[in-house]
Amino acid sequence: MQTITICGSMRFEKEMQRIAFELEVKHRFNVLQCVYGLKKSELTPADLDILEEAHLKRIDLSDAIYVVDIGGHIGSMTREEIKYAKENGKEIIFHSEYAL
């Protein structure tokens, strides 16, 4: 069972939850995700730094990242996560190219 981390804009929070379920149940991936139900404005800069560090650790633990690029949208933070994953030899799977 391959372990993947979901990366994408939190504007797709609900979609990422559904996608994670489908990836686990239908495709037998072990999915690491970070959907907290919080608005970015509710978080301090220190909170954001900690969450970013934790997310990169999830990528380190994963075989691949799964990029939720609905409508072609990839935000600046997700671009950084893709770059980090590539630099660390992780497979990059784009939602727009993966048949769910």
PDB file of N, CA and C in Angstrom:
ATOM      1  N   MET A   1       0.855  -1.182   0.000  1.00  0.00           N
ATOM      2  CA  MET A   1       0.000   0.000   0.000  1.00  0.00           C
ATOM      3  C   MET A   1       0.895   1.237   0.000  1.00  0.00           C
ATOM      4  N   GLN A   2       0.738   2.062  -1.007  1.00  0.00           N
ATOM      5  CA  GLN A   2       1.537   3.273  -1.144  1.00  0.00           C
ATOM      6  C   GLN A   2       1.001   4.373  -0.221  1.00  0.00           C
ATOM      7  N   THR A   3       1.904   5.122   0.417  1.00  0.00           N
ATOM      8  CA  THR A   3       1.525   6.244   1.278  1.00  0.00           C
ATOM      9  C   THR A   3       1.682   7.533   0.490  1.00  0.00           C
ATOM     10  N   ILE A   4       0.634   8.353   0.506  1.00  0.00           N
ATOM     11  CA  ILE A   4       0.660   9.634  -0.204  1.00  0.00           C
ATOM     12  C   ILE A   4       0.195  10.751   0.721  1.00  0.00           C
ATOM     13  N   THR A   5       0.674  11.950   0.432  1.00  0.00           N
ATOM     14  CA  THR A   5       0.229  13.157   1.125  1.00  0.00           C
ATOM     15  C   THR A   5      -0.575  13.990   0.138  1.00  0.00           C
ATOM     16  N   ILE A   6      -1.734  14.434   0.579  1.00  0.00           N
ATOM     17  CA  ILE A   6      -2.558  15.307  -0.262  1.00  0.00           C
ATOM     18  C   ILE A   6      -2.067  16.743  -0.111  1.00  0.00           C
ATOM     19  N   CYS A   7      -1.868  17.404  -1.250  1.00  0.00           N
ATOM     20  CA  CYS A   7      -1.454  18.803  -1.288  1.00  0.00           C
ATOM     21  C   CYS A   7      -2.465  19.568  -2.139  1.00  0.00           C
ATOM     22  N   GLY A   8      -2.824  20.747  -1.685  1.00  0.00           N
ATOM     23  CA  GLY A   8      -3.755  21.565  -2.453  1.00  0.00           C
ATOM     24  C   GLY A   8      -4.252  22.733  -1.632  1.00  0.00           C
ATOM     25  N   SER A   9      -4.899  23.627  -2.297  1.00  0.00           N
ATOM     26  CA  SER A   9      -5.454  24.810  -1.655  1.00  0.00           C
ATOM     27  C   SER A   9      -6.557  24.424  -0.679  1.00  0.00           C
ATOM     28  N   MET A  10      -6.578  25.073   0.474  1.00  0.00           N
ATOM     29  CA  MET A  10      -7.619  24.801   1.464  1.00  0.00           C
ATOM     30  C   MET A  10      -8.989  25.261   0.968  1.00  0.00           C
ATOM     31  N   ARG A  11      -9.037  25.977  -0.149  1.00  0.00           N
ATOM     32  CA  ARG A  11     -10.347  26.303  -0.735  1.00  0.00           C
ATOM     33  C   ARG A  11     -11.034  25.024  -1.209  1.00  0.00           C
ATOM     34  N   PHE A  12     -10.243  23.950  -1.369  1.00  0.00           N
ATOM     35  CA  PHE A  12     -10.774  22.654  -1.784  1.00  0.00           C
ATOM     36  C   PHE A  12     -10.871  21.678  -0.611  1.00  0.00           C
ATOM     37  N   GLU A  13     -11.025  22.201   0.594  1.00  0.00           N
ATOM     38  CA  GLU A  13     -11.049  21.373   1.801  1.00  0.00           C
ATOM     39  C   GLU A  13     -12.056  20.229   1.718  1.00  0.00           C
ATOM     40  N   LYS A  14     -13.273  20.523   1.381  1.00  0.00           N
ATOM     41  CA  LYS A  14     -14.315  19.481   1.299  1.00  0.00           C
ATOM     42  C   LYS A  14     -13.987  18.458   0.223  1.00  0.00           C
ATOM     43  N   GLU A  15     -13.510  18.955  -0.928  1.00  0.00           N
ATOM     44  CA  GLU A  15     -13.153  18.056  -2.016  1.00  0.00           C
ATOM     45  C   GLU A  15     -11.992  17.146  -1.608  1.00  0.00           C
ATOM     46  N   MET A  16     -11.012  17.698  -0.872  1.00  0.00           N
ATOM     47  CA  MET A  16      -9.862  16.908  -0.446  1.00  0.00           C
ATOM     48  C   MET A  16     -10.281  15.797   0.513  1.00  0.00           C
ATOM     49  N   GLN A  17     -11.267  16.061   1.352  1.00  0.00           N
ATOM     50  CA  GLN A  17     -11.768  15.019   2.258  1.00  0.00           C
ATOM     51  C   GLN A  17     -12.393  13.878   1.451  1.00  0.00           C
ATOM     52  N   ARG A  18     -13.192  14.213   0.461  1.00  0.00           N
ATOM     53  CA  ARG A  18     -13.831  13.201  -0.390  1.00  0.00           C
ATOM     54  C   ARG A  18     -12.791  12.441  -1.195  1.00  0.00           C
ATOM     55  N   ILE A  19     -11.831  13.173  -1.741  1.00  0.00           N
ATOM     56  CA  ILE A  19     -10.777  12.560  -2.536  1.00  0.00           C
ATOM     57  C   ILE A  19      -9.957  11.598  -1.682  1.00  0.00           C
ATOM     58  N   ALA A  20      -9.623  12.002  -0.461  1.00  0.00           N
ATOM     59  CA  ALA A  20      -8.852  11.135   0.439  1.00  0.00           C
ATOM     60  C   ALA A  20      -9.602   9.834   0.697  1.00  0.00           C
ATOM     61  N   PHE A  21     -10.892   9.931   0.946  1.00  0.00           N
ATOM     62  CA  PHE A  21     -11.714   8.739   1.170  1.00  0.00           C
ATOM     63  C   PHE A  21     -11.657   7.816  -0.048  1.00  0.00           C
ATOM     64  N   GLU A  22     -11.856   8.384  -1.234  1.00  0.00           N
ATOM     65  CA  GLU A  22     -11.855   7.584  -2.452  1.00  0.00           C
ATOM     66  C   GLU A  22     -10.490   6.955  -2.712  1.00  0.00           C
ATOM     67  N   LEU A  23      -9.424   7.699  -2.443  1.00  0.00           N
ATOM     68  CA  LEU A  23      -8.086   7.150  -2.648  1.00  0.00           C
ATOM     69  C   LEU A  23      -7.818   5.973  -1.714  1.00  0.00           C
ATOM     70  N   GLU A  24      -8.315   6.071  -0.503  1.00  0.00           N
ATOM     71  CA  GLU A  24      -8.109   4.984   0.455  1.00  0.00           C
ATOM     72  C   GLU A  24      -8.995   3.773   0.144  1.00  0.00           C
ATOM     73  N   VAL A  25     -10.265   4.008  -0.083  1.00  0.00           N
ATOM     74  CA  VAL A  25     -11.212   2.905  -0.247  1.00  0.00           C
ATOM     75  C   VAL A  25     -11.135   2.273  -1.633  1.00  0.00           C
ATOM     76  N   LYS A  26     -11.091   3.087  -2.656  1.00  0.00           N
ATOM     77  CA  LYS A  26     -11.142   2.556  -4.019  1.00  0.00           C
ATOM     78  C   LYS A  26      -9.769   2.209  -4.593  1.00  0.00           C
ATOM     79  N   HIS A  27      -8.732   2.908  -4.138  1.00  0.00           N
ATOM     80  CA  HIS A  27      -7.411   2.737  -4.742  1.00  0.00           C
ATOM     81  C   HIS A  27      -6.354   2.230  -3.761  1.00  0.00           C
ATOM     82  N   ARG A  28      -6.755   2.017  -2.513  1.00  0.00           N
ATOM     83  CA  ARG A  28      -5.905   1.412  -1.486  1.00  0.00           C
ATOM     84  C   ARG A  28      -4.619   2.185  -1.200  1.00  0.00           C
ATOM     85  N   PHE A  29      -4.693   3.506  -1.245  1.00  0.00           N
ATOM     86  CA  PHE A  29      -3.597   4.349  -0.797  1.00  0.00           C
ATOM     87  C   PHE A  29      -3.742   4.580   0.696  1.00  0.00           C
ATOM     88  N   ASN A  30      -2.625   4.757   1.376  1.00  0.00           N
ATOM     89  CA  ASN A  30      -2.612   5.237   2.756  1.00  0.00           C
ATOM     90  C   ASN A  30      -2.434   6.750   2.644  1.00  0.00           C
ATOM     91  N   VAL A  31      -3.455   7.526   2.994  1.00  0.00           N
ATOM     92  CA  VAL A  31      -3.467   8.959   2.730  1.00  0.00           C
ATOM     93  C   VAL A  31      -3.160   9.757   3.997  1.00  0.00           C
ATOM     94  N   LEU A  32      -2.168  10.644   3.883  1.00  0.00           N
ATOM     95  CA  LEU A  32      -1.864  11.611   4.932  1.00  0.00           C
ATOM     96  C   LEU A  32      -2.418  12.949   4.461  1.00  0.00           C
ATOM     97  N   GLN A  33      -3.248  13.551   5.284  1.00  0.00           N
ATOM     98  CA  GLN A  33      -3.845  14.822   4.886  1.00  0.00           C
ATOM     99  C   GLN A  33      -3.866  15.786   6.057  1.00  0.00           C
ATOM    100  N   CYS A  34      -4.106  17.051   5.760  1.00  0.00           N
ATOM    101  CA  CYS A  34      -4.151  18.069   6.811  1.00  0.00           C
ATOM    102  C   CYS A  34      -5.319  19.014   6.566  1.00  0.00           C
ATOM    103  N   VAL A  35      -6.487  18.562   6.889  1.00  0.00           N
ATOM    104  CA  VAL A  35      -7.683  19.387   6.757  1.00  0.00           C
ATOM    105  C   VAL A  35      -8.204  19.633   8.170  1.00  0.00           C
ATOM    106  N   TYR A  36      -8.138  20.899   8.602  1.00  0.00           N
ATOM    107  CA  TYR A  36      -8.462  21.231   9.980  1.00  0.00           C
ATOM    108  C   TYR A  36      -9.776  21.975  10.152  1.00  0.00           C
ATOM    109  N   GLY A  37     -10.357  22.457   9.081  1.00  0.00           N
ATOM    110  CA  GLY A  37     -11.605  23.200   9.197  1.00  0.00           C
ATOM    111  C   GLY A  37     -11.422  24.588   9.787  1.00  0.00           C
ATOM    112  N   LEU A  38     -10.213  25.136   9.676  1.00  0.00           N
ATOM    113  CA  LEU A  38      -9.932  26.463  10.205  1.00  0.00           C
ATOM    114  C   LEU A  38      -9.639  27.429   9.063  1.00  0.00           C
ATOM    115  N   LYS A  39      -9.950  28.687   9.290  1.00  0.00           N
ATOM    116  CA  LYS A  39      -9.611  29.713   8.316  1.00  0.00           C
ATOM    117  C   LYS A  39      -8.191  30.189   8.600  1.00  0.00           C
ATOM    118  N   LYS A  40      -7.462  30.490   7.538  1.00  0.00           N
ATOM    119  CA  LYS A  40      -6.084  30.950   7.691  1.00  0.00           C
ATOM    120  C   LYS A  40      -6.013  32.176   8.596  1.00  0.00           C
ATOM    121  N   SER A  41      -7.043  33.018   8.554  1.00  0.00           N
ATOM    122  CA  SER A  41      -7.061  34.229   9.373  1.00  0.00           C
ATOM    123  C   SER A  41      -7.154  33.924  10.868  1.00  0.00           C
ATOM    124  N   GLU A  42      -7.543  32.682  11.219  1.00  0.00           N
ATOM    125  CA  GLU A  42      -7.634  32.284  12.622  1.00  0.00           C
ATOM    126  C   GLU A  42      -6.297  31.804  13.181  1.00  0.00           C
ATOM    127  N   LEU A  43      -5.286  31.682  12.321  1.00  0.00           N
ATOM    128  CA  LEU A  43      -4.013  31.121  12.719  1.00  0.00           C
ATOM    129  C   LEU A  43      -2.949  32.206  12.854  1.00  0.00           C
ATOM    130  N   THR A  44      -2.060  32.012  13.798  1.00  0.00           N
ATOM    131  CA  THR A  44      -0.940  32.937  13.979  1.00  0.00           C
ATOM    132  C   THR A  44       0.179  32.557  13.013  1.00  0.00           C
ATOM    133  N   PRO A  45       1.119  33.469  12.784  1.00  0.00           N
ATOM    134  CA  PRO A  45       2.272  33.106  11.956  1.00  0.00           C
ATOM    135  C   PRO A  45       3.026  31.895  12.518  1.00  0.00           C
ATOM    136  N   ALA A  46       3.118  31.795  13.842  1.00  0.00           N
ATOM    137  CA  ALA A  46       3.783  30.636  14.460  1.00  0.00           C
ATOM    138  C   ALA A  46       3.007  29.353  14.155  1.00  0.00           C
ATOM    139  N   ASP A  47       1.668  29.424  14.229  1.00  0.00           N
ATOM    140  CA  ASP A  47       0.836  28.260  13.885  1.00  0.00           C
ATOM    141  C   ASP A  47       1.120  27.822  12.449  1.00  0.00           C
ATOM    142  N   LEU A  48       1.160  28.779  11.535  1.00  0.00           N
ATOM    143  CA  LEU A  48       1.372  28.474  10.122  1.00  0.00           C
ATOM    144  C   LEU A  48       2.744  27.839   9.892  1.00  0.00           C
ATOM    145  N   ASP A  49       3.770  28.333  10.591  1.00  0.00           N
ATOM    146  CA  ASP A  49       5.106  27.755  10.465  1.00  0.00           C
ATOM    147  C   ASP A  49       5.122  26.301  10.932  1.00  0.00           C
ATOM    148  N   ILE A  50       4.466  26.036  12.061  1.00  0.00           N
ATOM    149  CA  ILE A  50       4.406  24.679  12.603  1.00  0.00           C
ATOM    150  C   ILE A  50       3.662  23.751  11.642  1.00  0.00           C
ATOM    151  N   LEU A  51       2.540  24.224  11.102  1.00  0.00           N
ATOM    152  CA  LEU A  51       1.760  23.413  10.167  1.00  0.00           C
ATOM    153  C   LEU A  51       2.542  23.132   8.886  1.00  0.00           C
ATOM    154  N   GLU A  52       3.290  24.124   8.410  1.00  0.00           N
ATOM    155  CA  GLU A  52       4.102  23.935   7.211  1.00  0.00           C
ATOM    156  C   GLU A  52       5.190  22.884   7.471  1.00  0.00           C
ATOM    157  N   GLU A  53       5.842  22.974   8.606  1.00  0.00           N
ATOM    158  CA  GLU A  53       6.873  21.994   8.962  1.00  0.00           C
ATOM    159  C   GLU A  53       6.279  20.583   9.051  1.00  0.00           C
ATOM    160  N   ALA A  54       5.106  20.468   9.668  1.00  0.00           N
ATOM    161  CA  ALA A  54       4.444  19.169   9.793  1.00  0.00           C
ATOM    162  C   ALA A  54       4.065  18.618   8.421  1.00  0.00           C
ATOM    163  N   HIS A  55       3.623  19.497   7.528  1.00  0.00           N
ATOM    164  CA  HIS A  55       3.229  19.049   6.193  1.00  0.00           C
ATOM    165  C   HIS A  55       4.442  18.527   5.420  1.00  0.00           C
ATOM    166  N   LEU A  56       5.567  19.213   5.532  1.00  0.00           N
ATOM    167  CA  LEU A  56       6.776  18.749   4.863  1.00  0.00           C
ATOM    168  C   LEU A  56       7.224  17.407   5.433  1.00  0.00           C
ATOM    169  N   LYS A  57       7.042  17.206   6.728  1.00  0.00           N
ATOM    170  CA  LYS A  57       7.362  15.914   7.347  1.00  0.00           C
ATOM    171  C   LYS A  57       6.470  14.817   6.773  1.00  0.00           C
ATOM    172  N   ARG A  58       5.175  15.132   6.559  1.00  0.00           N
ATOM    173  CA  ARG A  58       4.274  14.155   5.935  1.00  0.00           C
ATOM    174  C   ARG A  58       4.776  13.782   4.544  1.00  0.00           C
ATOM    175  N   ILE A  59       5.250  14.775   3.801  1.00  0.00           N
ATOM    176  CA  ILE A  59       5.803  14.497   2.468  1.00  0.00           C
ATOM    177  C   ILE A  59       7.020  13.585   2.603  1.00  0.00           C
ATOM    178  N   ASP A  60       7.879  13.859   3.583  1.00  0.00           N
ATOM    179  CA  ASP A  60       9.051  13.005   3.810  1.00  0.00           C
ATOM    180  C   ASP A  60       8.650  11.553   4.054  1.00  0.00           C
ATOM    181  N   LEU A  61       7.559  11.347   4.760  1.00  0.00           N
ATOM    182  CA  LEU A  61       7.097  10.005   5.111  1.00  0.00           C
ATOM    183  C   LEU A  61       6.373   9.300   3.965  1.00  0.00           C
ATOM    184  N   SER A  62       6.040  10.049   2.932  1.00  0.00           N
ATOM    185  CA  SER A  62       5.220   9.526   1.831  1.00  0.00           C
ATOM    186  C   SER A  62       6.055   9.013   0.672  1.00  0.00           C
ATOM    187  N   ASP A  63       5.421   8.149  -0.111  1.00  0.00           N
ATOM    188  CA  ASP A  63       6.009   7.687  -1.363  1.00  0.00           C
ATOM    189  C   ASP A  63       5.749   8.699  -2.481  1.00  0.00           C
ATOM    190  N   ALA A  64       4.655   9.459  -2.340  1.00  0.00           N
ATOM    191  CA  ALA A  64       4.224  10.389  -3.384  1.00  0.00           C
ATOM    192  C   ALA A  64       3.374  11.490  -2.767  1.00  0.00           C
ATOM    193  N   ILE A  65       3.157  12.552  -3.554  1.00  0.00           N
ATOM    194  CA  ILE A  65       2.149  13.539  -3.167  1.00  0.00           C
ATOM    195  C   ILE A  65       1.043  13.492  -4.213  1.00  0.00           C
ATOM    196  N   TYR A  66      -0.166  13.811  -3.756  1.00  0.00           N
ATOM    197  CA  TYR A  66      -1.336  13.842  -4.622  1.00  0.00           C
ATOM    198  C   TYR A  66      -1.806  15.297  -4.647  1.00  0.00           C
ATOM    199  N   VAL A  67      -1.636  15.948  -5.789  1.00  0.00           N
ATOM    200  CA  VAL A  67      -1.932  17.375  -5.925  1.00  0.00           C
ATOM    201  C   VAL A  67      -3.375  17.558  -6.375  1.00  0.00           C
ATOM    202  N   VAL A  68      -4.169  18.192  -5.529  1.00  0.00           N
ATOM    203  CA  VAL A  68      -5.562  18.502  -5.862  1.00  0.00           C
ATOM    204  C   VAL A  68      -5.542  19.823  -6.630  1.00  0.00           C
ATOM    205  N   ASP A  69      -5.644  19.716  -7.942  1.00  0.00           N
ATOM    206  CA  ASP A  69      -5.537  20.871  -8.840  1.00  0.00           C
ATOM    207  C   ASP A  69      -6.851  21.107  -9.582  1.00  0.00           C
ATOM    208  N   ILE A  70      -7.911  21.220  -8.825  1.00  0.00           N
ATOM    209  CA  ILE A  70      -9.253  21.397  -9.400  1.00  0.00           C
ATOM    210  C   ILE A  70      -9.292  22.674 -10.233  1.00  0.00           C
ATOM    211  N   GLY A  71      -9.797  22.547 -11.442  1.00  0.00           N
ATOM    212  CA  GLY A  71      -9.873  23.701 -12.338  1.00  0.00           C
ATOM    213  C   GLY A  71      -8.506  24.241 -12.723  1.00  0.00           C
ATOM    214  N   GLY A  72      -7.455  23.415 -12.551  1.00  0.00           N
ATOM    215  CA  GLY A  72      -6.108  23.844 -12.885  1.00  0.00           C
ATOM    216  C   GLY A  72      -5.446  24.713 -11.818  1.00  0.00           C
ATOM    217  N   HIS A  73      -6.143  24.920 -10.690  1.00  0.00           N
ATOM    218  CA  HIS A  73      -5.600  25.806  -9.658  1.00  0.00           C
ATOM    219  C   HIS A  73      -4.515  25.112  -8.836  1.00  0.00           C
ATOM    220  N   ILE A  74      -3.324  25.715  -8.837  1.00  0.00           N
ATOM    221  CA  ILE A  74      -2.233  25.300  -7.955  1.00  0.00           C
ATOM    222  C   ILE A  74      -1.679  26.578  -7.344  1.00  0.00           C
ATOM    223  N   GLY A  75      -1.881  26.735  -6.044  1.00  0.00           N
ATOM    224  CA  GLY A  75      -1.430  27.938  -5.348  1.00  0.00           C
ATOM    225  C   GLY A  75       0.068  27.938  -5.092  1.00  0.00           C
ATOM    226  N   SER A  76       0.563  29.064  -4.595  1.00  0.00           N
ATOM    227  CA  SER A  76       2.006  29.223  -4.385  1.00  0.00           C
ATOM    228  C   SER A  76       2.557  28.231  -3.358  1.00  0.00           C
ATOM    229  N   MET A  77       1.820  27.961  -2.294  1.00  0.00           N
ATOM    230  CA  MET A  77       2.287  27.013  -1.287  1.00  0.00           C
ATOM    231  C   MET A  77       2.323  25.603  -1.858  1.00  0.00           C
ATOM    232  N   THR A  78       1.320  25.237  -2.634  1.00  0.00           N
ATOM    233  CA  THR A  78       1.301  23.919  -3.259  1.00  0.00           C
ATOM    234  C   THR A  78       2.446  23.787  -4.249  1.00  0.00           C
ATOM    235  N   ARG A  79       2.773  24.859  -4.963  1.00  0.00           N
ATOM    236  CA  ARG A  79       3.925  24.832  -5.874  1.00  0.00           C
ATOM    237  C   ARG A  79       5.214  24.552  -5.095  1.00  0.00           C
ATOM    238  N   GLU A  80       5.327  25.147  -3.912  1.00  0.00           N
ATOM    239  CA  GLU A  80       6.500  24.897  -3.071  1.00  0.00           C
ATOM    240  C   GLU A  80       6.544  23.449  -2.601  1.00  0.00           C
ATOM    241  N   GLU A  81       5.382  22.890  -2.280  1.00  0.00           N
ATOM    242  CA  GLU A  81       5.305  21.489  -1.858  1.00  0.00           C
ATOM    243  C   GLU A  81       5.685  20.552  -3.003  1.00  0.00           C
ATOM    244  N   ILE A  82       5.259  20.880  -4.217  1.00  0.00           N
ATOM    245  CA  ILE A  82       5.633  20.084  -5.394  1.00  0.00           C
ATOM    246  C   ILE A  82       7.149  20.136  -5.578  1.00  0.00           C
ATOM    247  N   LYS A  83       7.716  21.323  -5.478  1.00  0.00           N
ATOM    248  CA  LYS A  83       9.166  21.491  -5.617  1.00  0.00           C
ATOM    249  C   LYS A  83       9.897  20.661  -4.557  1.00  0.00           C
ATOM    250  N   TYR A  84       9.437  20.742  -3.317  1.00  0.00           N
ATOM    251  CA  TYR A  84      10.046  19.991  -2.215  1.00  0.00           C
ATOM    252  C   TYR A  84       9.962  18.486  -2.483  1.00  0.00           C
ATOM    253  N   ALA A  85       8.806  18.038  -2.914  1.00  0.00           N
ATOM    254  CA  ALA A  85       8.617  16.611  -3.197  1.00  0.00           C
ATOM    255  C   ALA A  85       9.546  16.150  -4.316  1.00  0.00           C
ATOM    256  N   LYS A  86       9.658  16.937  -5.382  1.00  0.00           N
ATOM    257  CA  LYS A  86      10.548  16.583  -6.492  1.00  0.00           C
ATOM    258  C   LYS A  86      11.992  16.508  -6.020  1.00  0.00           C
ATOM    259  N   GLU A  87      12.412  17.501  -5.230  1.00  0.00           N
ATOM    260  CA  GLU A  87      13.785  17.529  -4.716  1.00  0.00           C
ATOM    261  C   GLU A  87      14.095  16.323  -3.840  1.00  0.00           C
ATOM    262  N   ASN A  88      13.061  15.730  -3.278  1.00  0.00           N
ATOM    263  CA  ASN A  88      13.239  14.595  -2.379  1.00  0.00           C
ATOM    264  C   ASN A  88      12.826  13.269  -3.020  1.00  0.00           C
ATOM    265  N   GLY A  89      12.723  13.280  -4.341  1.00  0.00           N
ATOM    266  CA  GLY A  89      12.495  12.043  -5.088  1.00  0.00           C
ATOM    267  C   GLY A  89      11.118  11.431  -4.943  1.00  0.00           C
ATOM    268  N   LYS A  90      10.122  12.239  -4.628  1.00  0.00           N
ATOM    269  CA  LYS A  90       8.759  11.729  -4.471  1.00  0.00           C
ATOM    270  C   LYS A  90       8.014  11.780  -5.796  1.00  0.00           C
ATOM    271  N   GLU A  91       7.156  10.805  -6.015  1.00  0.00           N
ATOM    272  CA  GLU A  91       6.281  10.807  -7.184  1.00  0.00           C
ATOM    273  C   GLU A  91       5.247  11.918  -7.019  1.00  0.00           C
ATOM    274  N   ILE A  92       4.901  12.575  -8.114  1.00  0.00           N
ATOM    275  CA  ILE A  92       3.886  13.632  -8.107  1.00  0.00           C
ATOM    276  C   ILE A  92       2.696  13.121  -8.906  1.00  0.00           C
ATOM    277  N   ILE A  93       1.523  13.050  -8.255  1.00  0.00           N
ATOM    278  CA  ILE A  93       0.289  12.603  -8.904  1.00  0.00           C
ATOM    279  C   ILE A  93      -0.666  13.795  -8.917  1.00  0.00           C
ATOM    280  N   PHE A  94      -1.131  14.180 -10.103  1.00  0.00           N
ATOM    281  CA  PHE A  94      -2.066  15.289 -10.214  1.00  0.00           C
ATOM    282  C   PHE A  94      -3.489  14.759 -10.318  1.00  0.00           C
ATOM    283  N   HIS A  95      -4.379  15.333  -9.519  1.00  0.00           N
ATOM    284  CA  HIS A  95      -5.786  14.929  -9.522  1.00  0.00           C
ATOM    285  C   HIS A  95      -6.367  15.019 -10.933  1.00  0.00           C
ATOM    286  N   SER A  96      -6.008  16.062 -11.659  1.00  0.00           N
ATOM    287  CA  SER A  96      -6.555  16.255 -13.013  1.00  0.00           C
ATOM    288  C   SER A  96      -6.133  15.160 -13.979  1.00  0.00           C
ATOM    289  N   GLU A  97      -5.089  14.393 -13.638  1.00  0.00           N
ATOM    290  CA  GLU A  97      -4.596  13.344 -14.516  1.00  0.00           C
ATOM    291  C   GLU A  97      -4.887  11.943 -13.977  1.00  0.00           C
ATOM    292  N   TYR A  98      -5.495  11.855 -12.788  1.00  0.00           N
ATOM    293  CA  TYR A  98      -5.714  10.569 -12.143  1.00  0.00           C
ATOM    294  C   TYR A  98      -7.192  10.225 -12.211  1.00  0.00           C
ATOM    295  N   ALA A  99      -7.525   9.061 -12.665  1.00  0.00           N
ATOM    296  CA  ALA A  99      -8.931   8.657 -12.817  1.00  0.00           C
ATOM    297  C   ALA A  99      -9.483   8.152 -11.494  1.00  0.00           C
ATOM    298  N   LEU A 100     -10.317   8.955 -10.857  1.00  0.00           N
ATOM    299  CA  LEU A 100     -10.982   8.521  -9.617  1.00  0.00           C
ATOM    300  C   LEU A 100     -12.331   7.941  -9.958  1.00  0.00           C
TER     301      LEU A 100
END
